[in-house]
C-alpha atoms as a PDB file:
ATOM      1  CA  UNK A   1     185.599 -13.794  37.009  1.00  0.00           C
ATOM      2  CA  UNK A   2     188.444 -12.423  35.486  1.00  0.00           C
ATOM      3  CA  UNK A   3     186.756 -12.170  32.061  1.00  0.00           C
ATOM      4  CA  UNK A   4     183.520 -10.491  33.879  1.00  0.00           C
ATOM      5  CA  UNK A   5     185.704  -7.897  35.852  1.00  0.00           C
ATOM      6  CA  UNK A   6     187.417  -6.886  32.649  1.00  0.00           C
ATOM      7  CA  UNK A   7     184.177  -6.520  31.061  1.00  0.00           C
ATOM      8  CA  UNK A   8     182.946  -4.428  33.638  1.00  0.00           C
ATOM      9  CA  UNK A   9     185.878  -2.064  33.801  1.00  0.00           C
ATOM     10  CA  UNK A  10     185.469  -1.507  30.028  1.00  0.00           C
ATOM     11  CA  UNK A  11     181.947  -0.324  30.658  1.00  0.00           C
ATOM     12  CA  UNK A  12     183.266   2.460  32.825  1.00  0.00           C
ATOM     13  CA  UNK A  13     184.576   4.005  29.689  1.00  0.00           C
ATOM     14  CA  UNK A  14     188.172   3.760  31.002  1.00  0.00           C
ATOM     15  CA  UNK A  15     189.937   6.322  28.816  1.00  0.00           C
ATOM     16  CA  UNK A  16     187.838   9.382  29.515  1.00  0.00           C
ATOM     17  CA  UNK A  17     187.569   8.421  33.122  1.00  0.00           C
ATOM     18  CA  UNK A  18     191.382   8.152  33.464  1.00  0.00           C
ATOM     19  CA  UNK A  19     191.745  11.228  31.486  1.00  0.00           C
ATOM     20  CA  UNK A  20     189.590  13.318  33.723  1.00  0.00           C
ATOM     21  CA  UNK A  21     190.954  12.107  37.062  1.00  0.00           C
ATOM     22  CA  UNK A  22     194.730  12.985  35.670  1.00  0.00           C
ATOM     23  CA  UNK A  23     193.333  16.333  34.985  1.00  0.00           C
ATOM     24  CA  UNK A  24     191.748  16.982  38.140  1.00  0.00           C
ATOM     25  CA  UNK A  25     195.217  15.560  39.985  1.00  0.00           C
ATOM     26  CA  UNK A  26     197.364  17.853  37.670  1.00  0.00           C
ATOM     27  CA  UNK A  27     195.124  20.919  38.559  1.00  0.00           C
ATOM     28  CA  UNK A  28     195.549  19.961  42.348  1.00  0.00           C
ATOM     29  CA  UNK A  29     199.274  19.774  41.763  1.00  0.00           C
ATOM     30  CA  UNK A  30     199.503  23.137  40.272  1.00  0.00           C
ATOM     31  CA  UNK A  31     197.716  24.570  43.390  1.00  0.00           C
ATOM     32  CA  UNK A  32     200.566  23.168  45.603  1.00  0.00           C
ATOM     33  CA  UNK A  33     198.186  20.854  47.570  1.00  0.00           C
ATOM     34  CA  UNK A  34     199.715  18.322  49.810  1.00  0.00           C
ATOM     35  CA  UNK A  35     199.969  14.807  48.200  1.00  0.00           C
ATOM     36  CA  UNK A  36     197.349  13.559  50.784  1.00  0.00           C
ATOM     37  CA  UNK A  37     194.888  16.108  49.293  1.00  0.00           C
ATOM     38  CA  UNK A  38     195.952  15.403  45.786  1.00  0.00           C
ATOM     39  CA  UNK A  39     195.059  11.732  46.290  1.00  0.00           C
ATOM     40  CA  UNK A  40     191.492  12.367  48.026  1.00  0.00           C
ATOM     41  CA  UNK A  41     190.702  14.740  44.928  1.00  0.00           C
ATOM     42  CA  UNK A  42     191.758  12.140  42.162  1.00  0.00           C
ATOM     43  CA  UNK A  43     189.876   9.029  44.165  1.00  0.00           C
ATOM     44  CA  UNK A  44     186.886  11.234  44.270  1.00  0.00           C
ATOM     45  CA  UNK A  45     186.906  12.495  40.793  1.00  0.00           C
ATOM     46  CA  UNK A  46     187.721   8.775  39.448  1.00  0.00           C
ATOM     47  CA  UNK A  47     184.702   7.280  41.321  1.00  0.00           C
ATOM     48  CA  UNK A  48     182.598   9.974  40.012  1.00  0.00           C
ATOM     49  CA  UNK A  49     183.536   9.587  36.504  1.00  0.00           C
ATOM     50  CA  UNK A  50     183.257   5.575  36.812  1.00  0.00           C
ATOM     51  CA  UNK A  51     179.612   6.059  38.066  1.00  0.00           C
ATOM     52  CA  UNK A  52     178.909   8.361  34.983  1.00  0.00           C
ATOM     53  CA  UNK A  53     180.448   5.691  32.529  1.00  0.00           C
ATOM     54  CA  UNK A  54     178.761   2.720  34.131  1.00  0.00           C
ATOM     55  CA  UNK A  55     175.504   4.689  34.136  1.00  0.00           C
ATOM     56  CA  UNK A  56     175.937   5.254  30.475  1.00  0.00           C
ATOM     57  CA  UNK A  57     176.369   1.701  29.699  1.00  0.00           C
ATOM     58  CA  UNK A  58     173.569   0.525  31.886  1.00  0.00           C
ATOM     59  CA  UNK A  59     171.026   3.008  30.787  1.00  0.00           C
ATOM     60  CA  UNK A  60     171.686   2.527  26.976  1.00  0.00           C
ATOM     61  CA  UNK A  61     172.191  -1.300  27.235  1.00  0.00           C
ATOM     62  CA  UNK A  62     169.101  -2.118  25.161  1.00  0.00           C
ATOM     63  CA  UNK A  63     169.691   0.819  22.659  1.00  0.00           C
ATOM     64  CA  UNK A  64     173.504  -0.611  22.523  1.00  0.00           C
ATOM     65  CA  UNK A  65     172.265  -4.199  21.586  1.00  0.00           C
ATOM     66  CA  UNK A  66     170.007  -2.789  18.739  1.00  0.00           C
ATOM     67  CA  UNK A  67     172.709  -0.512  17.199  1.00  0.00           C
ATOM     68  CA  UNK A  68     175.147  -3.572  17.427  1.00  0.00           C
ATOM     69  CA  UNK A  69     177.913  -2.041  19.382  1.00  0.00           C
ATOM     70  CA  UNK A  70     180.908  -4.227  19.838  1.00  0.00           C
ATOM     71  CA  UNK A  71     182.429  -1.795  21.904  1.00  0.00           C
ATOM     72  CA  UNK A  72     180.012  -2.010  24.579  1.00  0.00           C
ATOM     73  CA  UNK A  73     180.721  -5.416  26.985  1.00  0.00           C
ATOM     74  CA  UNK A  74     176.914  -5.254  27.984  1.00  0.00           C
ATOM     75  CA  UNK A  75     175.489  -5.058  24.401  1.00  0.00           C
ATOM     76  CA  UNK A  76     177.591  -8.153  23.721  1.00  0.00           C
ATOM     77  CA  UNK A  77     176.233  -9.850  26.909  1.00  0.00           C
ATOM     78  CA  UNK A  78     179.741 -10.103  28.592  1.00  0.00           C
ATOM     79  CA  UNK A  79     178.290  -8.465  31.580  1.00  0.00           C
ATOM     80  CA  UNK A  80     174.850  -8.168  33.119  1.00  0.00           C
ATOM     81  CA  UNK A  81     173.114  -5.298  33.053  1.00  0.00           C
ATOM     82  CA  UNK A  82     172.245  -5.531  36.832  1.00  0.00           C
ATOM     83  CA  UNK A  83     175.709  -5.726  37.761  1.00  0.00           C
ATOM     84  CA  UNK A  84     176.504  -2.410  35.609  1.00  0.00           C
ATOM     85  CA  UNK A  85     173.825  -0.431  37.536  1.00  0.00           C
ATOM     86  CA  UNK A  86     174.691  -1.836  40.556  1.00  0.00           C
ATOM     87  CA  UNK A  87     178.424  -0.318  40.002  1.00  0.00           C
ATOM     88  CA  UNK A  88     176.923   3.004  38.915  1.00  0.00           C
ATOM     89  CA  UNK A  89     175.041   3.400  41.943  1.00  0.00           C
ATOM     90  CA  UNK A  90     177.671   2.180  44.133  1.00  0.00           C
ATOM     91  CA  UNK A  91     180.644   4.636  42.776  1.00  0.00           C
ATOM     92  CA  UNK A  92     178.068   7.584  42.941  1.00  0.00           C
ATOM     93  CA  UNK A  93     177.509   6.884  46.706  1.00  0.00           C
ATOM     94  CA  UNK A  94     181.007   6.451  47.563  1.00  0.00           C
ATOM     95  CA  UNK A  95     182.148   9.381  45.081  1.00  0.00           C
ATOM     96  CA  UNK A  96     179.904  11.745  47.118  1.00  0.00           C
ATOM     97  CA  UNK A  97     181.018  10.100  50.483  1.00  0.00           C
ATOM     98  CA  UNK A  98     184.760  10.681  49.500  1.00  0.00           C
ATOM     99  CA  UNK A  99     184.127  14.186  48.332  1.00  0.00           C
ATOM    100  CA  UNK A 100     182.873  15.229  51.837  1.00  0.00           C
ATOM    101  CA  UNK A 101     186.357  15.127  53.104  1.00  0.00           C
ATOM    102  CA  UNK A 102     187.050  17.809  50.775  1.00  0.00           C
ATOM    103  CA  UNK A 103     184.694  20.011  52.253  1.00  0.00           C
ATOM    104  CA  UNK A 104     180.925  21.004  51.905  1.00  0.00           C
ATOM    105  CA  UNK A 105     181.459  23.567  48.705  1.00  0.00           C
ATOM    106  CA  UNK A 106     183.805  21.067  46.891  1.00  0.00           C
ATOM    107  CA  UNK A 107     181.143  18.171  47.679  1.00  0.00           C
ATOM    108  CA  UNK A 108     178.362  20.117  46.382  1.00  0.00           C
ATOM    109  CA  UNK A 109     179.890  20.943  43.351  1.00  0.00           C
ATOM    110  CA  UNK A 110     181.274  17.455  42.730  1.00  0.00           C
ATOM    111  CA  UNK A 111     177.668  16.349  43.316  1.00  0.00           C
ATOM    112  CA  UNK A 112     176.674  18.630  40.379  1.00  0.00           C
ATOM    113  CA  UNK A 113     178.884  17.322  38.361  1.00  0.00           C
ATOM    114  CA  UNK A 114     178.143  13.745  38.738  1.00  0.00           C
ATOM    115  CA  UNK A 115     174.331  14.685  38.435  1.00  0.00           C
ATOM    116  CA  UNK A 116     175.001  16.418  35.008  1.00  0.00           C
ATOM    117  CA  UNK A 117     176.834  13.391  33.671  1.00  0.00           C
ATOM    118  CA  UNK A 118     173.900  11.145  34.801  1.00  0.00           C
ATOM    119  CA  UNK A 119     171.106  13.568  33.376  1.00  0.00           C
ATOM    120  CA  UNK A 120     173.030  13.565  29.881  1.00  0.00           C
ATOM    121  CA  UNK A 121     172.659   9.697  29.940  1.00  0.00           C
ATOM    122  CA  UNK A 122     169.183   9.724  31.151  1.00  0.00           C
ATOM    123  CA  UNK A 123     168.078  11.704  28.516  1.00  0.00           C
ATOM    124  CA  UNK A 124     169.782  14.979  27.730  1.00  0.00           C
ATOM    125  CA  UNK A 125     171.632  13.334  25.103  1.00  0.00           C
ATOM    126  CA  UNK A 126     168.535  13.127  22.929  1.00  0.00           C
ATOM    127  CA  UNK A 127     167.993  16.700  22.859  1.00  0.00           C
ATOM    128  CA  UNK A 128     169.168  20.117  21.502  1.00  0.00           C
ATOM    129  CA  UNK A 129     170.476  20.691  24.975  1.00  0.00           C
ATOM    130  CA  UNK A 130     172.915  17.603  24.721  1.00  0.00           C
ATOM    131  CA  UNK A 131     176.196  19.919  25.345  1.00  0.00           C
ATOM    132  CA  UNK A 132     174.692  21.534  28.482  1.00  0.00           C
ATOM    133  CA  UNK A 133     175.920  18.570  30.907  1.00  0.00           C
ATOM    134  CA  UNK A 134     179.335  18.831  29.380  1.00  0.00           C
ATOM    135  CA  UNK A 135     179.564  22.544  29.854  1.00  0.00           C
ATOM    136  CA  UNK A 136     178.227  22.465  33.534  1.00  0.00           C
ATOM    137  CA  UNK A 137     180.656  19.582  34.364  1.00  0.00           C
ATOM    138  CA  UNK A 138     183.693  20.698  32.768  1.00  0.00           C
ATOM    139  CA  UNK A 139     183.011  24.355  33.890  1.00  0.00           C
ATOM    140  CA  UNK A 140     182.833  22.877  37.180  1.00  0.00           C
ATOM    141  CA  UNK A 141     185.911  20.677  37.591  1.00  0.00           C
ATOM    142  CA  UNK A 142     188.331  23.632  38.279  1.00  0.00           C
ATOM    143  CA  UNK A 143     186.103  24.963  40.919  1.00  0.00           C
ATOM    144  CA  UNK A 144     185.983  21.493  42.556  1.00  0.00           C
ATOM    145  CA  UNK A 145     189.750  21.544  42.630  1.00  0.00           C
ATOM    146  CA  UNK A 146     190.075  24.976  44.135  1.00  0.00           C
ATOM    147  CA  UNK A 147     187.022  24.765  46.613  1.00  0.00           C
ATOM    148  CA  UNK A 148     189.172  21.435  48.004  1.00  0.00           C
ATOM    149  CA  UNK A 149     191.836  23.603  49.093  1.00  0.00           C
ATOM    150  CA  UNK A 150     192.256  24.734  52.720  1.00  0.00           C
ATOM    151  CA  UNK A 151     190.491  28.062  52.254  1.00  0.00           C
ATOM    152  CA  UNK A 152     188.007  26.766  49.813  1.00  0.00           C
ATOM    153  CA  UNK A 153     188.325  29.681  47.036  1.00  0.00           C
ATOM    154  CA  UNK A 154     186.277  29.421  43.947  1.00  0.00           C
ATOM    155  CA  UNK A 155     188.251  29.109  40.823  1.00  0.00           C
ATOM    156  CA  UNK A 156     188.871  32.278  38.531  1.00  0.00           C
ATOM    157  CA  UNK A 157     186.248  33.116  35.897  1.00  0.00           C
ATOM    158  CA  UNK A 158     188.628  32.181  33.135  1.00  0.00           C
ATOM    159  CA  UNK A 159     189.607  28.810  34.332  1.00  0.00           C
ATOM    160  CA  UNK A 160     185.507  28.070  34.595  1.00  0.00           C
ATOM    161  CA  UNK A 161     185.223  29.502  31.050  1.00  0.00           C
ATOM    162  CA  UNK A 162     188.129  27.429  29.709  1.00  0.00           C
ATOM    163  CA  UNK A 163     186.740  24.489  31.244  1.00  0.00           C
ATOM    164  CA  UNK A 164     183.178  24.891  29.848  1.00  0.00           C
ATOM    165  CA  UNK A 165     184.679  25.415  26.159  1.00  0.00           C
ATOM    166  CA  UNK A 166     186.709  22.036  26.639  1.00  0.00           C
ATOM    167  CA  UNK A 167     183.332  20.548  27.614  1.00  0.00           C
ATOM    168  CA  UNK A 168     181.970  21.841  24.547  1.00  0.00           C
ATOM    169  CA  UNK A 169     185.085  20.150  22.117  1.00  0.00           C
ATOM    170  CA  UNK A 170     184.978  16.928  24.426  1.00  0.00           C
ATOM    171  CA  UNK A 171     181.065  16.521  23.655  1.00  0.00           C
ATOM    172  CA  UNK A 172     181.273  16.814  20.023  1.00  0.00           C
ATOM    173  CA  UNK A 173     184.221  14.893  19.385  1.00  0.00           C
ATOM    174  CA  UNK A 174     183.070  12.218  21.696  1.00  0.00           C
ATOM    175  CA  UNK A 175     179.599  12.001  19.563  1.00  0.00           C
ATOM    176  CA  UNK A 176     180.717  12.352  16.045  1.00  0.00           C
ATOM    177  CA  UNK A 177     182.030   8.470  15.528  1.00  0.00           C
ATOM    178  CA  UNK A 178     178.581   7.299  16.494  1.00  0.00           C
ATOM    179  CA  UNK A 179     176.304   9.606  14.738  1.00  0.00           C
ATOM    180  CA  UNK A 180     174.829   7.158  12.207  1.00  0.00           C
ATOM    181  CA  UNK A 181     174.220   4.407  15.366  1.00  0.00           C
ATOM    182  CA  UNK A 182     172.471   7.258  17.480  1.00  0.00           C
ATOM    183  CA  UNK A 183     170.304   8.512  14.518  1.00  0.00           C
ATOM    184  CA  UNK A 184     169.246   4.778  14.069  1.00  0.00           C
ATOM    185  CA  UNK A 185     168.155   4.628  17.731  1.00  0.00           C
ATOM    186  CA  UNK A 186     166.332   8.063  17.800  1.00  0.00           C
ATOM    187  CA  UNK A 187     169.274   9.764  19.488  1.00  0.00           C
ATOM    188  CA  UNK A 188     169.344  13.368  18.209  1.00  0.00           C
ATOM    189  CA  UNK A 189     171.481  15.689  20.451  1.00  0.00           C
ATOM    190  CA  UNK A 190     173.194  19.064  19.276  1.00  0.00           C
ATOM    191  CA  UNK A 191     175.795  17.380  17.079  1.00  0.00           C
ATOM    192  CA  UNK A 192     173.571  15.231  15.081  1.00  0.00           C
ATOM    193  CA  UNK A 193     171.344  18.229  14.332  1.00  0.00           C
ATOM    194  CA  UNK A 194     174.388  20.186  13.134  1.00  0.00           C
ATOM    195  CA  UNK A 195     175.923  17.545  11.249  1.00  0.00           C
ATOM    196  CA  UNK A 196     179.330  16.155  11.469  1.00  0.00           C
ATOM    197  CA  UNK A 197     181.576  18.640   9.623  1.00  0.00           C
ATOM    198  CA  UNK A 198     180.101  21.463  11.516  1.00  0.00           C
ATOM    199  CA  UNK A 199     180.142  19.781  14.564  1.00  0.00           C
ATOM    200  CA  UNK A 200     183.832  18.946  14.156  1.00  0.00           C
ATOM    201  CA  UNK A 201     184.771  22.418  13.258  1.00  0.00           C
ATOM    202  CA  UNK A 202     182.783  23.764  16.346  1.00  0.00           C
ATOM    203  CA  UNK A 203     184.621  21.293  18.465  1.00  0.00           C
ATOM    204  CA  UNK A 204     187.994  22.543  17.729  1.00  0.00           C
ATOM    205  CA  UNK A 205     187.132  26.004  17.567  1.00  0.00           C
ATOM    206  CA  UNK A 206     186.088  25.695  21.113  1.00  0.00           C
ATOM    207  CA  UNK A 207     189.251  24.209  22.099  1.00  0.00           C
ATOM    208  CA  UNK A 208     190.959  27.309  20.603  1.00  0.00           C
ATOM    209  CA  UNK A 209     189.020  29.648  22.775  1.00  0.00           C
ATOM    210  CA  UNK A 210     189.805  27.271  25.770  1.00  0.00           C
ATOM    211  CA  UNK A 211     193.060  27.452  25.223  1.00  0.00           C
ATOM    212  CA  UNK A 212     193.099  31.501  24.569  1.00  0.00           C
ATOM    213  CA  UNK A 213     191.114  31.629  28.119  1.00  0.00           C
ATOM    214  CA  UNK A 214     193.895  29.636  29.876  1.00  0.00           C
ATOM    215  CA  UNK A 215     196.804  31.700  27.996  1.00  0.00           C
ATOM    216  CA  UNK A 216     195.170  35.197  28.481  1.00  0.00           C
ATOM    217  CA  UNK A 217     192.945  34.855  31.138  1.00  0.00           C
ATOM    218  CA  UNK A 218     195.383  35.151  34.025  1.00  0.00           C
ATOM    219  CA  UNK A 219     197.036  38.025  32.498  1.00  0.00           C
ATOM    220  CA  UNK A 220     193.477  39.942  32.180  1.00  0.00           C
ATOM    221  CA  UNK A 221     193.056  39.216  35.944  1.00  0.00           C
ATOM    222  CA  UNK A 222     196.523  39.925  36.877  1.00  0.00           C
ATOM    223  CA  UNK A 223     198.026  42.199  34.389  1.00  0.00           C
ATOM    224  CA  UNK A 224     201.442  43.084  36.074  1.00  0.00           C
ATOM    225  CA  UNK A 225     202.194  39.288  35.528  1.00  0.00           C
ATOM    226  CA  UNK A 226     202.457  39.046  32.050  1.00  0.00           C
ATOM    227  CA  UNK A 227     202.229  36.041  29.640  1.00  0.00           C
ATOM    228  CA  UNK A 228     204.571  33.224  30.584  1.00  0.00           C
ATOM    229  CA  UNK A 229     206.953  31.622  27.878  1.00  0.00           C
ATOM    230  CA  UNK A 230     205.256  28.237  29.225  1.00  0.00           C
ATOM    231  CA  UNK A 231     201.522  29.629  28.620  1.00  0.00           C
ATOM    232  CA  UNK A 232     202.604  30.699  24.988  1.00  0.00           C
ATOM    233  CA  UNK A 233     204.169  27.132  24.161  1.00  0.00           C
ATOM    234  CA  UNK A 234     200.934  25.476  25.646  1.00  0.00           C
ATOM    235  CA  UNK A 235     198.804  27.912  23.451  1.00  0.00           C
ATOM    236  CA  UNK A 236     200.725  26.852  20.249  1.00  0.00           C
ATOM    237  CA  UNK A 237     200.592  23.278  20.987  1.00  0.00           C
ATOM    238  CA  UNK A 238     196.763  23.432  21.589  1.00  0.00           C
ATOM    239  CA  UNK A 239     196.369  25.492  18.105  1.00  0.00           C
ATOM    240  CA  UNK A 240     198.386  23.038  16.372  1.00  0.00           C
ATOM    241  CA  UNK A 241     196.226  19.993  17.549  1.00  0.00           C
ATOM    242  CA  UNK A 242     193.045  22.202  16.895  1.00  0.00           C
ATOM    243  CA  UNK A 243     194.575  22.572  13.057  1.00  0.00           C
ATOM    244  CA  UNK A 244     195.060  18.853  12.627  1.00  0.00           C
ATOM    245  CA  UNK A 245     191.669  18.121  14.075  1.00  0.00           C
ATOM    246  CA  UNK A 246     189.918  20.533  11.784  1.00  0.00           C
ATOM    247  CA  UNK A 247     192.160  18.855   8.795  1.00  0.00           C
ATOM    248  CA  UNK A 248     190.658  15.404   9.679  1.00  0.00           C
ATOM    249  CA  UNK A 249     187.158  16.526  10.041  1.00  0.00           C
ATOM    250  CA  UNK A 250     187.299  18.097   6.527  1.00  0.00           C
ATOM    251  CA  UNK A 251     189.274  15.130   4.794  1.00  0.00           C
ATOM    252  CA  UNK A 252     187.597  11.990   6.340  1.00  0.00           C
ATOM    253  CA  UNK A 253     185.028  10.167   8.282  1.00  0.00           C
ATOM    254  CA  UNK A 254     185.072  11.066  11.910  1.00  0.00           C
ATOM    255  CA  UNK A 255     186.459   8.424  14.279  1.00  0.00           C
ATOM    256  CA  UNK A 256     187.945   8.117  18.040  1.00  0.00           C
ATOM    257  CA  UNK A 257     191.224  10.332  16.909  1.00  0.00           C
ATOM    258  CA  UNK A 258     189.130  13.473  17.182  1.00  0.00           C
ATOM    259  CA  UNK A 259     188.450  12.505  20.873  1.00  0.00           C
ATOM    260  CA  UNK A 260     191.976  11.593  21.832  1.00  0.00           C
ATOM    261  CA  UNK A 261     193.097  15.209  20.297  1.00  0.00           C
ATOM    262  CA  UNK A 262     190.790  17.168  22.548  1.00  0.00           C
ATOM    263  CA  UNK A 263     191.942  14.841  25.689  1.00  0.00           C
ATOM    264  CA  UNK A 264     195.446  15.638  24.612  1.00  0.00           C
ATOM    265  CA  UNK A 265     194.964  19.014  24.115  1.00  0.00           C
ATOM    266  CA  UNK A 266     193.326  19.344  27.699  1.00  0.00           C
ATOM    267  CA  UNK A 267     196.438  17.531  29.566  1.00  0.00           C
ATOM    268  CA  UNK A 268     198.919  19.888  27.698  1.00  0.00           C
ATOM    269  CA  UNK A 269     197.092  22.623  29.179  1.00  0.00           C
ATOM    270  CA  UNK A 270     196.957  21.159  32.650  1.00  0.00           C
ATOM    271  CA  UNK A 271     200.706  20.702  32.590  1.00  0.00           C
ATOM    272  CA  UNK A 272     200.955  24.133  31.092  1.00  0.00           C
ATOM    273  CA  UNK A 273     199.208  25.524  34.242  1.00  0.00           C
ATOM    274  CA  UNK A 274     201.292  23.288  36.498  1.00  0.00           C
ATOM    275  CA  UNK A 275     204.890  24.431  35.092  1.00  0.00           C
ATOM    276  CA  UNK A 276     203.728  28.118  34.622  1.00  0.00           C
ATOM    277  CA  UNK A 277     202.590  28.253  38.261  1.00  0.00           C
ATOM    278  CA  UNK A 278     199.184  29.867  37.058  1.00  0.00           C
ATOM    279  CA  UNK A 279     196.949  30.313  39.865  1.00  0.00           C
ATOM    280  CA  UNK A 280     193.328  29.080  39.408  1.00  0.00           C
ATOM    281  CA  UNK A 281     191.708  30.834  42.039  1.00  0.00           C
ATOM    282  CA  UNK A 282     189.725  33.894  41.470  1.00  0.00           C
END
């Protein structure tokens, strides 16, 4: 029982799932929400991300077996496909139910985010439009958090754009280590068509753009505030991470380090927003 539970948990893609959940919680904290509201947002996002992770391993079960993926419990027969399918559907339903407590606009935005993740898993990953679900999902994440507030305000345009560019960086770096396995099983998304080196450069260029939007977007929207020292520090750290990522792309075969660098940068920027007091609302 414990072994199966562990295998099921690993089928949820726990690393990215927790990272996105922490990111949403940090954004909500920066907006000054009450702890109870932050908890509901975190639970809703967590369940939604679990659903997307489970659906990925369920839908790709046969493909992962053919590719010999040793990092996928379903491919190794450690957990039944039907159990992962049931977990994907159950967590999606519960995520939507919890989202209702955040208000209709936030619930609708979260539903679109979850649907984007499922659409990617269900087939968009095989097309030149594979990046679109990530642009939509991460572009919507700030909106979900701001719409969940007392007044249900939409997020500022700069925040949506920063999230969208983070989505580009996350998609490309997440796919890069699996290019060969994907090609062997007829998965040809946008990164596959561009190639490993070009995709890596695009990913970290998108990360830089996201950092620039986060640092200077609030100033463009409200010029009287100026750029805070914390925002400058966050931007410098983000640029440093991007430079490290590009160096790795140009000097060795892509691995999970690239994805971890982008996730680290996203959390750095979220902390930057919390400490600088930058308002995400439009």
